[in-house]
Protein backbone atom coordinates (compact mmCIF):
# COMPACT_ATOMS: atom_id res chain seq x y z
CA UNK A 1 -8.80 10.11 -1.02
CA UNK A 2 -8.04 6.88 -2.81
CA UNK A 3 -9.92 3.94 -1.33
CA UNK A 4 -9.84 0.38 -2.58
CA UNK A 5 -12.17 -2.26 -1.24
CA UNK A 6 -11.56 -5.84 -2.29
CA UNK A 7 -14.70 -7.76 -3.27
CA UNK A 8 -13.15 -10.77 -5.02
CA UNK A 9 -13.69 -14.26 -3.65
CA UNK A 10 -11.01 -15.05 -1.08
CA UNK A 11 -9.17 -18.36 -1.35
CA UNK A 12 -6.66 -20.00 0.99
CA UNK A 13 -3.77 -18.83 -1.21
CA UNK A 14 -5.16 -15.28 -1.31
CA UNK A 15 -5.53 -14.31 2.34
CA UNK A 16 -3.40 -11.18 2.79
CA UNK A 17 -5.00 -8.20 1.07
CA UNK A 18 -4.33 -4.52 0.50
CA UNK A 19 -7.68 -3.34 1.86
CA UNK A 20 -7.43 0.44 1.55
CA UNK A 21 -4.93 3.11 0.60
CA UNK A 22 -5.21 6.80 1.36
CA UNK A 23 -3.24 9.88 0.38
CA UNK A 24 -2.99 12.99 2.55
CA UNK A 25 -2.12 15.28 -0.35
CA UNK A 26 -5.63 16.65 -0.99
CA UNK A 27 -6.70 17.67 2.51
CA UNK A 28 -9.43 15.05 2.99
CA UNK A 29 -7.45 12.79 5.33
CA UNK A 30 -4.76 13.59 7.84
CA UNK A 31 -2.12 10.97 6.93
CA UNK A 32 -1.11 8.76 4.03
CA UNK A 33 -1.86 5.13 4.89
CA UNK A 34 -2.19 1.57 3.67
CA UNK A 35 -4.44 -0.89 5.45
CA UNK A 36 -3.67 -4.59 5.06
CA UNK A 37 -6.27 -7.23 5.93
CA UNK A 38 -5.79 -10.87 6.89
CA UNK A 39 -8.77 -12.80 5.53
CA UNK A 40 -7.40 -16.13 6.79
CA UNK A 41 -8.44 -18.11 9.83
CA UNK A 42 -4.84 -18.12 11.08
CA UNK A 43 -2.40 -15.32 11.93
CA UNK A 44 0.00 -14.02 9.26
CA UNK A 45 3.56 -13.13 10.25
CA UNK A 46 4.74 -10.12 8.21
CA UNK A 47 8.47 -10.60 8.89
CA UNK A 48 10.17 -10.73 5.51
CA UNK A 49 7.35 -8.87 3.67
CA UNK A 50 7.62 -5.37 2.26
CA UNK A 51 5.18 -2.71 1.13
CA UNK A 52 6.51 -1.00 -1.97
CA UNK A 53 5.09 2.17 -3.48
CA UNK A 54 5.77 4.73 -6.17
CA UNK A 55 4.25 8.05 -7.11
CA UNK A 56 3.50 9.24 -10.60
CA UNK A 57 4.50 12.63 -11.93
CA UNK A 58 2.27 14.47 -14.39
CA UNK A 59 4.22 14.98 -17.63
CA UNK A 60 1.34 16.23 -19.79
CA UNK A 61 -2.41 16.76 -19.61
CA UNK A 62 -3.06 13.06 -20.23
CA UNK A 63 0.07 11.27 -19.06
CA UNK A 64 2.04 10.50 -15.93
CA UNK A 65 5.50 9.04 -15.49
CA UNK A 66 6.15 6.49 -12.77
CA UNK A 67 8.61 7.43 -10.05
CA UNK A 68 11.10 5.09 -8.44
CA UNK A 69 9.85 2.37 -6.10
CA UNK A 70 10.31 2.97 -2.37
CA UNK A 71 9.77 0.32 0.27
CA UNK A 72 8.86 -0.27 3.88
CA UNK A 73 10.05 -3.53 5.42
CA UNK A 74 7.18 -5.00 7.41
CA UNK A 75 7.22 -6.79 10.73
CA UNK A 76 4.61 -7.94 13.18
CA UNK A 77 1.63 -10.25 12.98
CA UNK A 78 -1.88 -9.76 11.66
CA UNK A 79 -4.42 -11.79 13.59
CA UNK A 80 -7.14 -13.67 11.67
CA UNK A 81 -9.84 -11.39 10.23
CA UNK A 82 -7.95 -8.29 11.42
CA UNK A 83 -6.38 -5.25 9.80
CA UNK A 84 -2.85 -3.84 9.99
CA UNK A 85 -2.28 -0.11 9.49
CA UNK A 86 0.84 1.36 7.91
CA UNK A 87 0.62 5.05 8.76
CA UNK A 88 2.64 7.59 6.86
CA UNK A 89 3.35 11.27 6.58
CA UNK A 90 0.91 13.78 8.00
CA UNK A 91 -0.66 16.14 5.48
CA UNK A 92 -0.85 19.90 5.88
CA UNK A 93 -4.60 20.42 6.15
CA UNK A 94 -5.84 21.69 9.52
CA UNK A 95 -9.35 20.21 9.33
CA UNK A 96 -9.35 16.86 7.48
CA UNK A 97 -12.57 14.89 7.02
CA UNK A 98 -10.75 11.79 8.32
CA UNK A 99 -8.41 12.49 11.23
CA UNK A 100 -5.97 9.73 12.18
CA UNK A 101 -3.90 10.35 15.30
CA UNK A 102 -0.10 10.44 15.02
CA UNK A 103 1.56 7.07 15.72
CA UNK A 104 -1.79 5.26 15.52
CA UNK A 105 -0.51 2.71 13.01
CA UNK A 106 0.92 -0.72 13.56
CA UNK A 107 3.88 0.68 11.64
CA UNK A 108 4.48 4.45 11.61
CA UNK A 109 6.79 5.88 8.93
CA UNK A 110 6.87 9.69 8.63
CA UNK A 111 8.68 9.45 5.26
CA UNK A 112 5.90 7.32 3.71
CA UNK A 113 3.78 9.57 1.51
CA UNK A 114 1.24 8.70 -1.16
CA UNK A 115 -0.03 11.07 -3.83
CA UNK A 116 -3.73 11.29 -4.60
CA UNK A 117 -2.84 12.10 -8.23
CA UNK A 118 -1.00 8.91 -9.18
CA UNK A 119 0.27 6.12 -6.99
CA UNK A 120 0.98 2.42 -7.16
CA UNK A 121 1.38 0.07 -4.20
CA UNK A 122 2.63 -3.53 -4.11
CA UNK A 123 2.76 -5.98 -1.24
CA UNK A 124 5.74 -8.29 -1.65
CA UNK A 125 6.63 -11.46 0.24
CA UNK A 126 10.28 -10.39 0.32
CA UNK A 127 12.22 -7.19 1.03
CA UNK A 128 14.07 -6.93 -2.30
CA UNK A 129 13.41 -3.53 -3.94
CA UNK A 130 11.28 -3.79 -7.07
CA UNK A 131 13.01 -2.99 -10.35
CA UNK A 132 10.06 -3.55 -12.68
CA UNK A 133 7.41 -1.01 -13.60
CA UNK A 134 4.44 -3.32 -12.99
CA UNK A 135 4.91 -6.31 -10.63
CA UNK A 136 1.45 -7.59 -11.59
CA UNK A 137 2.38 -7.91 -15.28
CA UNK A 138 6.15 -7.89 -15.85
CA UNK A 139 6.05 -9.15 -19.45
CA UNK A 140 2.79 -7.77 -20.88
CA UNK A 141 1.32 -11.27 -20.74
CA UNK A 142 0.28 -11.33 -17.09
CA UNK A 143 3.40 -12.86 -15.49
CA UNK A 144 3.82 -11.61 -11.92
CA UNK A 145 7.04 -10.69 -10.13
CA UNK A 146 8.34 -13.66 -8.13
CA UNK A 147 7.45 -12.39 -4.64
CA UNK A 148 4.34 -10.46 -5.69
CA UNK A 149 1.54 -10.70 -3.15
CA UNK A 150 -0.84 -7.84 -4.12
CA UNK A 151 -0.75 -4.51 -5.95
CA UNK A 152 -2.97 -1.50 -6.62
């Protein structure tokens, strides 16, 4: 399972976070998922946001090749200091260590699948499909894609 916990200082401009991601491809968890967290003191409306993700494919012992970006258009509201679960495809294991019930997410998308081998996830403040390899650093000098909110 891939788990990311954000420990950076939170500022007013940095209130919507990708809190955790999980992949159901290794049998440890039942579904692929992304958990967003609203660290603000006010609600965040997700209308117009998208979660974009891409898997990597192993091309040699030490290298992967990025796949095409896919996206999920988000909707709904995250209350202050609350999480929002985007639940994806169910894995094939019969006895996962972490069992998440079907349709438990705030958004449920059976086509959404993350790989535990190589994956990248970006939260965007628009719904335009990404066409850059790395929205966090589009020019090699740290420039971010225009609607970039967070990536992992």
